[in-house]
Amino acid sequence: MVGSLFLVAVLAAFQRCNKKSSIIIPWKKSRSQKDQTPVYIDPEMLKDVRRYSRQELEVACEDFSNIIGSSPDSVVYKGTMKGGPEIAVISLCIREEHWTGYLELYFQREVADLAKLNHENIGKLLGYCREDTLFTRMLVFDYASNGTLHDHLHCYEKGCQFSWTRRMKIAIGIARGLKYLHTEVEPPFTISELNSSAVYLTEEFSPKLVDFESWKTILERSEKNSGSIGSQGAICVLPNSLEARHLDTKGNIFAFGVLLLELISRRPPYCKDKGYLVDWAKDYLERPDEMSSVLDPELKHFSHEDLKVICEMQIESRQFHYLRNLFFFIYKHHLVG
């Protein structure tokens, strides 16, 4: 009798513990024995994030025919939800047999992190799609209708039609978005490749930062990691190299400085004929009488005070006062949000 009661108690305790534990997902698609190690993922991680079906996204994106961007790692589609907003859908380009436990964990962590972001200058994640019958991993964002900053600076035949005032408003919006990601989100969140292609513009030309290139970075890092994923309690912990997106705030600020130069000069960060933009501009930045030489020739009017602030920030960046530069730029314009 005592033995039976003891057995019942043990089983009850096991069931209570089992309810709190994470889902075990055995990824057996890879030929590598190491990748067959079960991966533990918190089943509550995405409970508050909308999950779309592939079918409804296929309808919204006109059978995935409306492609607005692509890379070796992802394709971006534009779509319109029935009775809802315009959307941008990022579809990951990876074969199912190459999809590892690391990548599934990172995908879900990335969705959870992006869903928490809430700022007017950050692209809003509306939801995700995760299906295995027809292998699909997609992120769904609110669509910014005016394309990318890169398009406006470099791709239109008539050249960039942005006034100095509009360029400064875009710069301030980007700075505010970075300030939010770096100081108001815990842990700090970074854009894996901050450049003019990561800046999307709304109908009113308000900038929104969208990290469409994060998968390029994570796939590179994932290839360097093999073996089992360590766990801490019931929740799985990513290896340090896969957490690195939270650590490169300095790189983001340096990239912001380069982006400012690109915005005012309308020159790409690098071109074969003229080399790196930063190298070209540095000789002008330190000489007040030469500062205006970095400007887009099509600009008819500009603010000398604004230009001075931008040039000062470039000089500070080379001295590695990274985060201070971001606040310096915003406060100098008296536009702190």
C-alpha atoms as a PDB file:
ATOM      1  CA  MET A   1       0.000   0.000   0.000  1.00  0.00           C
ATOM      2  CA  VAL A   2       2.777   2.411   0.981  1.00  0.00           C
ATOM      3  CA  GLY A   3       4.685   1.473  -2.182  1.00  0.00           C
ATOM      4  CA  SER A   4       1.618   2.187  -4.345  1.00  0.00           C
ATOM      5  CA  LEU A   5       1.073   5.602  -2.737  1.00  0.00           C
ATOM      6  CA  PHE A   6       4.735   6.443  -3.251  1.00  0.00           C
ATOM      7  CA  LEU A   7       4.501   5.490  -6.946  1.00  0.00           C
ATOM      8  CA  VAL A   8       1.379   7.648  -7.411  1.00  0.00           C
ATOM      9  CA  ALA A   9       3.120  10.606  -5.758  1.00  0.00           C
ATOM     10  CA  VAL A  10       6.157  10.239  -8.009  1.00  0.00           C
ATOM     11  CA  LEU A  11       3.987  10.088 -11.142  1.00  0.00           C
ATOM     12  CA  ALA A  12       2.005  13.158 -10.065  1.00  0.00           C
ATOM     13  CA  ALA A  13       5.186  15.114  -9.424  1.00  0.00           C
ATOM     14  CA  PHE A  14       6.565  14.056 -12.799  1.00  0.00           C
ATOM     15  CA  GLN A  15       3.415  15.257 -14.573  1.00  0.00           C
ATOM     16  CA  ARG A  16       3.567  18.651 -12.829  1.00  0.00           C
ATOM     17  CA  CYS A  17       7.198  19.098 -13.841  1.00  0.00           C
ATOM     18  CA  ASN A  18       6.499  17.921 -17.360  1.00  0.00           C
ATOM     19  CA  LYS A  19       3.836  20.608 -17.847  1.00  0.00           C
ATOM     20  CA  LYS A  20       6.395  23.333 -17.064  1.00  0.00           C
ATOM     21  CA  SER A  21       9.135  21.948 -19.264  1.00  0.00           C
ATOM     22  CA  SER A  22       9.946  23.069 -22.771  1.00  0.00           C
ATOM     23  CA  ILE A  23       8.953  21.357 -25.982  1.00  0.00           C
ATOM     24  CA  ILE A  24      11.448  18.787 -27.223  1.00  0.00           C
ATOM     25  CA  ILE A  25      11.964  19.055 -30.958  1.00  0.00           C
ATOM     26  CA  PRO A  26      14.204  16.344 -32.446  1.00  0.00           C
ATOM     27  CA  TRP A  27      15.619  17.714 -35.697  1.00  0.00           C
ATOM     28  CA  LYS A  28      16.589  14.651 -37.714  1.00  0.00           C
ATOM     29  CA  LYS A  29      16.803  16.167 -41.167  1.00  0.00           C
ATOM     30  CA  SER A  30      20.560  16.698 -41.016  1.00  0.00           C
ATOM     31  CA  ARG A  31      22.992  13.916 -41.768  1.00  0.00           C
ATOM     32  CA  SER A  32      25.186  15.099 -38.941  1.00  0.00           C
ATOM     33  CA  GLN A  33      24.711  13.019 -35.821  1.00  0.00           C
ATOM     34  CA  LYS A  34      25.415  16.101 -33.729  1.00  0.00           C
ATOM     35  CA  ASP A  35      22.410  17.904 -35.194  1.00  0.00           C
ATOM     36  CA  GLN A  36      20.116  15.082 -34.057  1.00  0.00           C
ATOM     37  CA  THR A  37      20.439  16.207 -30.454  1.00  0.00           C
ATOM     38  CA  PRO A  38      16.992  17.280 -29.199  1.00  0.00           C
ATOM     39  CA  VAL A  39      16.471  21.038 -28.952  1.00  0.00           C
ATOM     40  CA  TYR A  40      14.475  22.453 -26.073  1.00  0.00           C
ATOM     41  CA  ILE A  41      12.251  25.417 -26.940  1.00  0.00           C
ATOM     42  CA  ASP A  42       9.929  27.244 -24.580  1.00  0.00           C
ATOM     43  CA  PRO A  43       6.374  26.475 -25.774  1.00  0.00           C
ATOM     44  CA  GLU A  44       5.185  29.857 -24.466  1.00  0.00           C
ATOM     45  CA  MET A  45       7.743  31.860 -26.445  1.00  0.00           C
ATOM     46  CA  LEU A  46       5.433  32.857 -29.312  1.00  0.00           C
ATOM     47  CA  LYS A  47       2.061  32.595 -27.616  1.00  0.00           C
ATOM     48  CA  ASP A  48       1.341  36.340 -27.969  1.00  0.00           C
ATOM     49  CA  VAL A  49       2.550  36.672 -31.578  1.00  0.00           C
ATOM     50  CA  ARG A  50       0.126  36.253 -34.466  1.00  0.00           C
ATOM     51  CA  ARG A  51       0.772  33.173 -36.583  1.00  0.00           C
ATOM     52  CA  TYR A  52      -0.210  33.381 -40.251  1.00  0.00           C
ATOM     53  CA  SER A  53      -0.807  30.413 -42.517  1.00  0.00           C
ATOM     54  CA  ARG A  54       1.206  30.082 -45.698  1.00  0.00           C
ATOM     55  CA  GLN A  55      -2.041  30.029 -47.655  1.00  0.00           C
ATOM     56  CA  GLU A  56      -3.248  33.422 -46.425  1.00  0.00           C
ATOM     57  CA  LEU A  57       0.158  34.995 -47.108  1.00  0.00           C
ATOM     58  CA  GLU A  58       0.209  33.420 -50.568  1.00  0.00           C
ATOM     59  CA  VAL A  59      -3.149  35.035 -51.332  1.00  0.00           C
ATOM     60  CA  ALA A  60      -2.044  38.385 -49.890  1.00  0.00           C
ATOM     61  CA  CYS A  61       1.163  38.373 -51.961  1.00  0.00           C
ATOM     62  CA  GLU A  62      -0.533  37.311 -55.224  1.00  0.00           C
ATOM     63  CA  ASP A  63       0.934  33.808 -55.303  1.00  0.00           C
ATOM     64  CA  PHE A  64       4.253  35.246 -54.109  1.00  0.00           C
ATOM     65  CA  SER A  65       4.707  37.044 -57.428  1.00  0.00           C
ATOM     66  CA  ASN A  66       5.187  40.553 -56.043  1.00  0.00           C
ATOM     67  CA  ILE A  67       8.896  40.485 -55.174  1.00  0.00           C
ATOM     68  CA  ILE A  68      10.301  43.771 -53.846  1.00  0.00           C
ATOM     69  CA  GLY A  69      13.699  42.560 -52.669  1.00  0.00           C
ATOM     70  CA  SER A  70      15.919  39.512 -52.539  1.00  0.00           C
ATOM     71  CA  SER A  71      19.244  38.173 -51.337  1.00  0.00           C
ATOM     72  CA  PRO A  72      20.830  34.708 -51.304  1.00  0.00           C
ATOM     73  CA  ASP A  73      19.245  34.177 -47.876  1.00  0.00           C
ATOM     74  CA  SER A  74      15.761  35.648 -48.236  1.00  0.00           C
ATOM     75  CA  VAL A  75      13.094  37.004 -50.569  1.00  0.00           C
ATOM     76  CA  VAL A  76      10.874  39.961 -49.668  1.00  0.00           C
ATOM     77  CA  TYR A  77       7.318  40.114 -51.000  1.00  0.00           C
ATOM     78  CA  LYS A  78       4.757  42.882 -50.874  1.00  0.00           C
ATOM     79  CA  GLY A  79       1.180  41.948 -50.105  1.00  0.00           C
ATOM     80  CA  THR A  80      -2.175  43.234 -48.923  1.00  0.00           C
ATOM     81  CA  MET A  81      -4.186  41.415 -46.300  1.00  0.00           C
ATOM     82  CA  LYS A  82      -7.900  41.110 -46.972  1.00  0.00           C
ATOM     83  CA  GLY A  83      -9.483  44.133 -45.348  1.00  0.00           C
ATOM     84  CA  GLY A  84      -6.188  44.911 -43.660  1.00  0.00           C
ATOM     85  CA  PRO A  85      -2.837  46.633 -44.071  1.00  0.00           C
ATOM     86  CA  GLU A  86      -0.191  46.332 -46.740  1.00  0.00           C
ATOM     87  CA  ILE A  87       2.522  43.945 -45.619  1.00  0.00           C
ATOM     88  CA  ALA A  88       6.119  43.030 -46.369  1.00  0.00           C
ATOM     89  CA  VAL A  89       6.830  39.304 -46.053  1.00  0.00           C
ATOM     90  CA  ILE A  90      10.370  38.000 -45.615  1.00  0.00           C
ATOM     91  CA  SER A  91      10.668  34.373 -46.699  1.00  0.00           C
ATOM     92  CA  LEU A  92      13.827  32.563 -45.652  1.00  0.00           C
ATOM     93  CA  CYS A  93      15.660  30.775 -48.472  1.00  0.00           C
ATOM     94  CA  ILE A  94      16.839  27.554 -46.920  1.00  0.00           C
ATOM     95  CA  ARG A  95      16.125  23.922 -47.693  1.00  0.00           C
ATOM     96  CA  GLU A  96      14.436  21.837 -45.030  1.00  0.00           C
ATOM     97  CA  GLU A  97      17.332  19.390 -44.780  1.00  0.00           C
ATOM     98  CA  HIS A  98      19.636  22.292 -43.888  1.00  0.00           C
ATOM     99  CA  TRP A  99      17.340  23.601 -41.163  1.00  0.00           C
ATOM    100  CA  THR A 100      18.940  22.823 -37.802  1.00  0.00           C
ATOM    101  CA  GLY A 101      17.873  23.046 -34.208  1.00  0.00           C
ATOM    102  CA  TYR A 102      20.027  26.145 -33.827  1.00  0.00           C
ATOM    103  CA  LEU A 103      18.146  27.877 -36.624  1.00  0.00           C
ATOM    104  CA  GLU A 104      14.700  26.919 -35.342  1.00  0.00           C
ATOM    105  CA  LEU A 105      15.562  28.212 -31.904  1.00  0.00           C
ATOM    106  CA  TYR A 106      17.011  31.396 -33.346  1.00  0.00           C
ATOM    107  CA  PHE A 107      13.970  31.905 -35.583  1.00  0.00           C
ATOM    108  CA  GLN A 108      11.589  31.705 -32.651  1.00  0.00           C
ATOM    109  CA  ARG A 109      13.791  33.880 -30.467  1.00  0.00           C
ATOM    110  CA  GLU A 110      14.056  36.438 -33.265  1.00  0.00           C
ATOM    111  CA  VAL A 111      10.278  36.516 -33.729  1.00  0.00           C
ATOM    112  CA  ALA A 112       9.759  36.945 -29.987  1.00  0.00           C
ATOM    113  CA  ASP A 113      12.326  39.762 -29.794  1.00  0.00           C
ATOM    114  CA  LEU A 114      10.995  41.600 -32.848  1.00  0.00           C
ATOM    115  CA  ALA A 115       7.419  41.365 -31.570  1.00  0.00           C
ATOM    116  CA  LYS A 116       8.403  43.303 -28.440  1.00  0.00           C
ATOM    117  CA  LEU A 117       9.743  46.294 -30.365  1.00  0.00           C
ATOM    118  CA  ASN A 118       7.397  49.269 -30.372  1.00  0.00           C
ATOM    119  CA  HIS A 119       8.693  52.552 -31.783  1.00  0.00           C
ATOM    120  CA  GLU A 120       7.598  54.818 -34.615  1.00  0.00           C
ATOM    121  CA  ASN A 121      10.995  54.494 -36.308  1.00  0.00           C
ATOM    122  CA  ILE A 122      11.234  50.691 -36.090  1.00  0.00           C
ATOM    123  CA  GLY A 123       9.502  48.395 -38.575  1.00  0.00           C
ATOM    124  CA  LYS A 124       6.535  46.733 -36.863  1.00  0.00           C
ATOM    125  CA  LEU A 125       6.406  42.935 -36.868  1.00  0.00           C
ATOM    126  CA  LEU A 126       2.820  41.811 -37.437  1.00  0.00           C
ATOM    127  CA  GLY A 127       3.447  38.084 -37.124  1.00  0.00           C
ATOM    128  CA  TYR A 128       5.153  35.035 -38.577  1.00  0.00           C
ATOM    129  CA  CYS A 129       4.551  31.854 -40.559  1.00  0.00           C
ATOM    130  CA  ARG A 130       5.987  28.477 -39.556  1.00  0.00           C
ATOM    131  CA  GLU A 131       4.901  25.378 -41.456  1.00  0.00           C
ATOM    132  CA  ASP A 132       6.583  22.044 -42.130  1.00  0.00           C
ATOM    133  CA  THR A 133       4.293  20.322 -44.653  1.00  0.00           C
ATOM    134  CA  LEU A 134       5.615  22.743 -47.253  1.00  0.00           C
ATOM    135  CA  PHE A 135       8.660  23.993 -45.366  1.00  0.00           C
ATOM    136  CA  THR A 136       8.121  27.681 -44.622  1.00  0.00           C
ATOM    137  CA  ARG A 137       9.660  30.243 -42.291  1.00  0.00           C
ATOM    138  CA  MET A 138       8.427  33.801 -42.842  1.00  0.00           C
ATOM    139  CA  LEU A 139       8.312  37.117 -41.004  1.00  0.00           C
ATOM    140  CA  VAL A 140       5.454  39.547 -41.662  1.00  0.00           C
ATOM    141  CA  PHE A 141       6.029  43.294 -41.280  1.00  0.00           C
ATOM    142  CA  ASP A 142       3.925  46.388 -41.758  1.00  0.00           C
ATOM    143  CA  TYR A 143       4.781  47.763 -45.206  1.00  0.00           C
ATOM    144  CA  ALA A 144       6.402  51.182 -45.665  1.00  0.00           C
ATOM    145  CA  SER A 145       5.065  52.455 -48.991  1.00  0.00           C
ATOM    146  CA  ASN A 146       7.898  54.735 -50.150  1.00  0.00           C
ATOM    147  CA  GLY A 147      10.580  52.095 -50.573  1.00  0.00           C
ATOM    148  CA  THR A 148      14.075  52.273 -49.159  1.00  0.00           C
ATOM    149  CA  LEU A 149      16.336  55.231 -48.561  1.00  0.00           C
ATOM    150  CA  HIS A 150      18.843  53.515 -50.860  1.00  0.00           C
ATOM    151  CA  ASP A 151      16.319  53.620 -53.714  1.00  0.00           C
ATOM    152  CA  HIS A 152      15.775  57.355 -53.317  1.00  0.00           C
ATOM    153  CA  LEU A 153      19.471  58.161 -53.056  1.00  0.00           C
ATOM    154  CA  HIS A 154      20.838  55.965 -55.823  1.00  0.00           C
ATOM    155  CA  CYS A 155      18.234  54.308 -58.052  1.00  0.00           C
ATOM    156  CA  TYR A 156      15.981  56.954 -59.537  1.00  0.00           C
ATOM    157  CA  GLU A 157      16.808  58.517 -62.912  1.00  0.00           C
ATOM    158  CA  LYS A 158      15.840  62.018 -61.772  1.00  0.00           C
ATOM    159  CA  GLY A 159      18.228  61.782 -58.835  1.00  0.00           C
ATOM    160  CA  CYS A 160      17.326  62.376 -55.212  1.00  0.00           C
ATOM    161  CA  GLN A 161      14.582  64.985 -54.779  1.00  0.00           C
ATOM    162  CA  PHE A 162      15.029  65.266 -51.015  1.00  0.00           C
ATOM    163  CA  SER A 163      15.537  68.726 -49.557  1.00  0.00           C
ATOM    164  CA  TRP A 164      18.011  69.310 -46.738  1.00  0.00           C
ATOM    165  CA  THR A 165      15.138  69.530 -44.255  1.00  0.00           C
ATOM    166  CA  ARG A 166      13.739  66.167 -45.345  1.00  0.00           C
ATOM    167  CA  ARG A 167      17.176  64.552 -45.141  1.00  0.00           C
ATOM    168  CA  MET A 168      17.665  65.854 -41.611  1.00  0.00           C
ATOM    169  CA  LYS A 169      14.236  64.592 -40.529  1.00  0.00           C
ATOM    170  CA  ILE A 170      15.141  61.161 -41.885  1.00  0.00           C
ATOM    171  CA  ALA A 171      18.493  61.272 -40.054  1.00  0.00           C
ATOM    172  CA  ILE A 172      16.809  62.247 -36.779  1.00  0.00           C
ATOM    173  CA  GLY A 173      14.264  59.435 -37.174  1.00  0.00           C
ATOM    174  CA  ILE A 174      17.043  56.889 -37.689  1.00  0.00           C
ATOM    175  CA  ALA A 175      18.885  58.256 -34.644  1.00  0.00           C
ATOM    176  CA  ARG A 176      15.762  58.016 -32.513  1.00  0.00           C
ATOM    177  CA  GLY A 177      15.183  54.450 -33.624  1.00  0.00           C
ATOM    178  CA  LEU A 178      18.750  53.473 -32.723  1.00  0.00           C
ATOM    179  CA  LYS A 179      18.507  55.250 -29.379  1.00  0.00           C
ATOM    180  CA  TYR A 180      15.402  53.185 -28.608  1.00  0.00           C
ATOM    181  CA  LEU A 181      17.027  49.897 -29.654  1.00  0.00           C
ATOM    182  CA  HIS A 182      20.261  50.548 -27.779  1.00  0.00           C
ATOM    183  CA  THR A 183      19.024  52.135 -24.543  1.00  0.00           C
ATOM    184  CA  GLU A 184      15.350  51.262 -24.046  1.00  0.00           C
ATOM    185  CA  VAL A 185      15.379  47.572 -25.015  1.00  0.00           C
ATOM    186  CA  GLU A 186      16.941  44.956 -22.739  1.00  0.00           C
ATOM    187  CA  PRO A 187      19.186  43.416 -23.856  1.00  0.00           C
ATOM    188  CA  PRO A 188      20.124  46.090 -26.419  1.00  0.00           C
ATOM    189  CA  PHE A 189      18.963  45.273 -29.934  1.00  0.00           C
ATOM    190  CA  THR A 190      21.059  45.972 -33.019  1.00  0.00           C
ATOM    191  CA  ILE A 191      20.550  46.060 -36.772  1.00  0.00           C
ATOM    192  CA  SER A 192      22.829  43.418 -38.265  1.00  0.00           C
ATOM    193  CA  GLU A 193      23.574  45.474 -41.398  1.00  0.00           C
ATOM    194  CA  LEU A 194      22.674  49.127 -40.880  1.00  0.00           C
ATOM    195  CA  ASN A 195      22.734  50.865 -44.245  1.00  0.00           C
ATOM    196  CA  SER A 196      20.409  52.813 -46.531  1.00  0.00           C
ATOM    197  CA  SER A 197      18.755  49.557 -47.672  1.00  0.00           C
ATOM    198  CA  ALA A 198      17.671  48.870 -44.077  1.00  0.00           C
ATOM    199  CA  VAL A 199      15.819  52.209 -43.880  1.00  0.00           C
ATOM    200  CA  TYR A 200      12.258  52.045 -45.214  1.00  0.00           C
ATOM    201  CA  LEU A 201      10.226  55.209 -45.741  1.00  0.00           C
ATOM    202  CA  THR A 202       6.523  55.674 -45.040  1.00  0.00           C
ATOM    203  CA  GLU A 203       4.129  57.726 -47.133  1.00  0.00           C
ATOM    204  CA  GLU A 204       5.201  60.771 -45.090  1.00  0.00           C
ATOM    205  CA  PHE A 205       8.892  59.812 -45.520  1.00  0.00           C
ATOM    206  CA  SER A 206       9.276  58.855 -41.884  1.00  0.00           C
ATOM    207  CA  PRO A 207      12.115  56.293 -41.598  1.00  0.00           C
ATOM    208  CA  LYS A 208      11.611  52.802 -40.218  1.00  0.00           C
ATOM    209  CA  LEU A 209      14.526  50.481 -39.507  1.00  0.00           C
ATOM    210  CA  VAL A 210      13.940  46.903 -40.659  1.00  0.00           C
ATOM    211  CA  ASP A 211      16.567  44.188 -40.252  1.00  0.00           C
ATOM    212  CA  PHE A 212      15.967  42.104 -43.372  1.00  0.00           C
ATOM    213  CA  GLU A 213      19.593  40.936 -43.393  1.00  0.00           C
ATOM    214  CA  SER A 214      19.716  39.301 -39.955  1.00  0.00           C
ATOM    215  CA  TRP A 215      19.516  35.815 -41.489  1.00  0.00           C
ATOM    216  CA  LYS A 216      22.655  36.357 -43.524  1.00  0.00           C
ATOM    217  CA  THR A 217      24.505  36.949 -40.265  1.00  0.00           C
ATOM    218  CA  ILE A 218      22.909  34.123 -38.308  1.00  0.00           C
ATOM    219  CA  LEU A 219      23.479  31.548 -41.053  1.00  0.00           C
ATOM    220  CA  GLU A 220      27.165  32.453 -41.097  1.00  0.00           C
ATOM    221  CA  ARG A 221      27.374  32.099 -37.322  1.00  0.00           C
ATOM    222  CA  SER A 222      25.319  28.917 -37.245  1.00  0.00           C
ATOM    223  CA  GLU A 223      27.731  27.175 -39.617  1.00  0.00           C
ATOM    224  CA  LYS A 224      30.455  27.616 -37.005  1.00  0.00           C
ATOM    225  CA  ASN A 225      28.399  25.953 -34.282  1.00  0.00           C
ATOM    226  CA  SER A 226      27.756  22.227 -34.095  1.00  0.00           C
ATOM    227  CA  GLY A 227      26.885  19.764 -31.407  1.00  0.00           C
ATOM    228  CA  SER A 228      24.189  19.947 -28.768  1.00  0.00           C
ATOM    229  CA  ILE A 229      22.640  23.167 -27.557  1.00  0.00           C
ATOM    230  CA  GLY A 230      23.253  23.824 -23.889  1.00  0.00           C
ATOM    231  CA  SER A 231      20.250  24.258 -21.654  1.00  0.00           C
ATOM    232  CA  GLN A 232      19.768  26.212 -18.466  1.00  0.00           C
ATOM    233  CA  GLY A 233      16.875  24.794 -16.543  1.00  0.00           C
ATOM    234  CA  ALA A 234      14.083  24.107 -18.995  1.00  0.00           C
ATOM    235  CA  ILE A 235      14.849  26.968 -21.389  1.00  0.00           C
ATOM    236  CA  CYS A 236      17.445  26.532 -24.110  1.00  0.00           C
ATOM    237  CA  VAL A 237      20.322  29.008 -24.294  1.00  0.00           C
ATOM    238  CA  LEU A 238      21.910  29.975 -27.594  1.00  0.00           C
ATOM    239  CA  PRO A 239      25.689  29.778 -27.909  1.00  0.00           C
ATOM    240  CA  ASN A 240      27.499  33.087 -27.416  1.00  0.00           C
ATOM    241  CA  SER A 241      28.214  33.515 -31.123  1.00  0.00           C
ATOM    242  CA  LEU A 242      24.482  33.399 -31.853  1.00  0.00           C
ATOM    243  CA  GLU A 243      23.762  36.046 -29.223  1.00  0.00           C
ATOM    244  CA  ALA A 244      26.215  38.508 -30.783  1.00  0.00           C
ATOM    245  CA  ARG A 245      23.461  40.621 -32.376  1.00  0.00           C
ATOM    246  CA  HIS A 246      22.906  42.180 -28.932  1.00  0.00           C
ATOM    247  CA  LEU A 247      26.535  43.204 -28.536  1.00  0.00           C
ATOM    248  CA  ASP A 248      27.399  45.258 -31.607  1.00  0.00           C
ATOM    249  CA  THR A 249      25.895  48.628 -30.662  1.00  0.00           C
ATOM    250  CA  LYS A 250      29.251  50.253 -31.408  1.00  0.00           C
ATOM    251  CA  GLY A 251      29.153  48.901 -34.937  1.00  0.00           C
ATOM    252  CA  ASN A 252      25.648  50.336 -35.370  1.00  0.00           C
ATOM    253  CA  ILE A 253      26.766  53.813 -34.335  1.00  0.00           C
ATOM    254  CA  PHE A 254      29.726  53.728 -36.695  1.00  0.00           C
ATOM    255  CA  ALA A 255      27.383  52.581 -39.485  1.00  0.00           C
ATOM    256  CA  PHE A 256      25.034  55.445 -38.595  1.00  0.00           C
ATOM    257  CA  GLY A 257      27.893  57.882 -39.141  1.00  0.00           C
ATOM    258  CA  VAL A 258      28.546  56.391 -42.578  1.00  0.00           C
ATOM    259  CA  LEU A 259      24.816  56.534 -43.326  1.00  0.00           C
ATOM    260  CA  LEU A 260      24.762  60.251 -42.483  1.00  0.00           C
ATOM    261  CA  LEU A 261      27.547  60.861 -44.983  1.00  0.00           C
ATOM    262  CA  GLU A 262      25.679  58.856 -47.602  1.00  0.00           C
ATOM    263  CA  LEU A 263      22.509  60.839 -46.922  1.00  0.00           C
ATOM    264  CA  ILE A 264      24.096  64.274 -47.384  1.00  0.00           C
ATOM    265  CA  SER A 265      26.524  63.385 -50.183  1.00  0.00           C
ATOM    266  CA  ARG A 266      24.384  60.895 -52.158  1.00  0.00           C
ATOM    267  CA  ARG A 267      27.485  58.776 -52.598  1.00  0.00           C
ATOM    268  CA  PRO A 268      27.438  55.034 -51.806  1.00  0.00           C
ATOM    269  CA  PRO A 269      29.535  53.766 -48.873  1.00  0.00           C
ATOM    270  CA  TYR A 270      31.901  52.232 -51.410  1.00  0.00           C
ATOM    271  CA  CYS A 271      32.349  52.429 -55.158  1.00  0.00           C
ATOM    272  CA  LYS A 272      35.063  50.961 -57.334  1.00  0.00           C
ATOM    273  CA  ASP A 273      36.143  54.260 -58.873  1.00  0.00           C
ATOM    274  CA  LYS A 274      36.254  56.437 -55.748  1.00  0.00           C
ATOM    275  CA  GLY A 275      36.836  53.926 -52.964  1.00  0.00           C
ATOM    276  CA  TYR A 276      35.344  54.228 -49.473  1.00  0.00           C
ATOM    277  CA  LEU A 277      33.089  57.162 -48.682  1.00  0.00           C
ATOM    278  CA  VAL A 278      34.641  57.702 -45.244  1.00  0.00           C
ATOM    279  CA  ASP A 279      38.152  57.908 -46.686  1.00  0.00           C
ATOM    280  CA  TRP A 280      37.021  60.369 -49.334  1.00  0.00           C
ATOM    281  CA  ALA A 281      35.170  62.602 -46.857  1.00  0.00           C
ATOM    282  CA  LYS A 282      37.657  62.699 -43.981  1.00  0.00           C
ATOM    283  CA  ASP A 283      39.881  65.355 -45.549  1.00  0.00           C
ATOM    284  CA  TYR A 284      36.930  67.736 -45.801  1.00  0.00           C
ATOM    285  CA  LEU A 285      35.379  67.057 -42.403  1.00  0.00           C
ATOM    286  CA  GLU A 286      38.151  68.571 -40.314  1.00  0.00           C
ATOM    287  CA  ARG A 287      38.369  71.832 -42.273  1.00  0.00           C
ATOM    288  CA  PRO A 288      35.406  74.191 -41.723  1.00  0.00           C
ATOM    289  CA  ASP A 289      35.960  75.966 -45.032  1.00  0.00           C
ATOM    290  CA  GLU A 290      35.858  72.633 -46.911  1.00  0.00           C
ATOM    291  CA  MET A 291      32.898  70.940 -45.183  1.00  0.00           C
ATOM    292  CA  SER A 292      30.391  71.819 -47.883  1.00  0.00           C
ATOM    293  CA  SER A 293      32.467  69.856 -50.417  1.00  0.00           C
ATOM    294  CA  VAL A 294      30.928  66.614 -49.109  1.00  0.00           C
ATOM    295  CA  LEU A 295      27.397  67.688 -50.043  1.00  0.00           C
ATOM    296  CA  ASP A 296      25.229  66.381 -52.860  1.00  0.00           C
ATOM    297  CA  PRO A 297      25.708  68.867 -55.737  1.00  0.00           C
ATOM    298  CA  GLU A 298      21.933  68.858 -56.315  1.00  0.00           C
ATOM    299  CA  LEU A 299      21.285  70.361 -52.878  1.00  0.00           C
ATOM    300  CA  LYS A 300      20.432  74.028 -53.373  1.00  0.00           C
ATOM    301  CA  HIS A 301      20.080  74.926 -49.713  1.00  0.00           C
ATOM    302  CA  PHE A 302      21.505  73.474 -46.514  1.00  0.00           C
ATOM    303  CA  SER A 303      22.083  74.403 -42.885  1.00  0.00           C
ATOM    304  CA  HIS A 304      25.678  75.193 -41.981  1.00  0.00           C
ATOM    305  CA  GLU A 305      24.893  74.400 -38.341  1.00  0.00           C
ATOM    306  CA  ASP A 306      23.472  70.975 -39.212  1.00  0.00           C
ATOM    307  CA  LEU A 307      26.468  70.224 -41.409  1.00  0.00           C
ATOM    308  CA  LYS A 308      28.824  71.204 -38.600  1.00  0.00           C
ATOM    309  CA  VAL A 309      27.051  68.800 -36.218  1.00  0.00           C
ATOM    310  CA  ILE A 310      27.339  65.942 -38.721  1.00  0.00           C
ATOM    311  CA  CYS A 311      31.018  66.619 -39.334  1.00  0.00           C
ATOM    312  CA  GLU A 312      31.718  66.773 -35.593  1.00  0.00           C
ATOM    313  CA  MET A 313      30.009  63.421 -35.144  1.00  0.00           C
ATOM    314  CA  GLN A 314      32.164  61.859 -37.848  1.00  0.00           C
ATOM    315  CA  ILE A 315      35.325  63.053 -36.088  1.00  0.00           C
ATOM    316  CA  GLU A 316      34.044  61.751 -32.742  1.00  0.00           C
ATOM    317  CA  SER A 317      33.265  58.370 -34.306  1.00  0.00           C
ATOM    318  CA  ARG A 318      36.876  57.905 -35.281  1.00  0.00           C
ATOM    319  CA  GLN A 319      37.733  58.438 -31.612  1.00  0.00           C
ATOM    320  CA  PHE A 320      35.292  55.645 -30.658  1.00  0.00           C
ATOM    321  CA  HIS A 321      32.897  57.669 -28.477  1.00  0.00           C
ATOM    322  CA  TYR A 322      30.082  55.638 -29.973  1.00  0.00           C
ATOM    323  CA  LEU A 323      26.880  55.877 -27.957  1.00  0.00           C
ATOM    324  CA  ARG A 324      27.662  59.428 -26.883  1.00  0.00           C
ATOM    325  CA  ASN A 325      27.633  60.422 -30.548  1.00  0.00           C
ATOM    326  CA  LEU A 326      24.042  59.294 -30.983  1.00  0.00           C
ATOM    327  CA  PHE A 327      22.782  61.426 -28.105  1.00  0.00           C
ATOM    328  CA  PHE A 328      25.037  64.256 -29.243  1.00  0.00           C
ATOM    329  CA  PHE A 329      23.446  64.239 -32.684  1.00  0.00           C
ATOM    330  CA  ILE A 330      19.870  64.154 -31.372  1.00  0.00           C
ATOM    331  CA  TYR A 331      20.323  66.755 -28.652  1.00  0.00           C
ATOM    332  CA  LYS A 332      22.186  69.103 -30.978  1.00  0.00           C
ATOM    333  CA  HIS A 333      19.041  69.248 -33.075  1.00  0.00           C
ATOM    334  CA  HIS A 334      16.796  69.756 -30.012  1.00  0.00           C
ATOM    335  CA  LEU A 335      14.542  66.957 -31.210  1.00  0.00           C
ATOM    336  CA  VAL A 336      14.771  64.417 -28.403  1.00  0.00           C
ATOM    337  CA  GLY A 337      11.638  62.260 -28.323  1.00  0.00           C
END
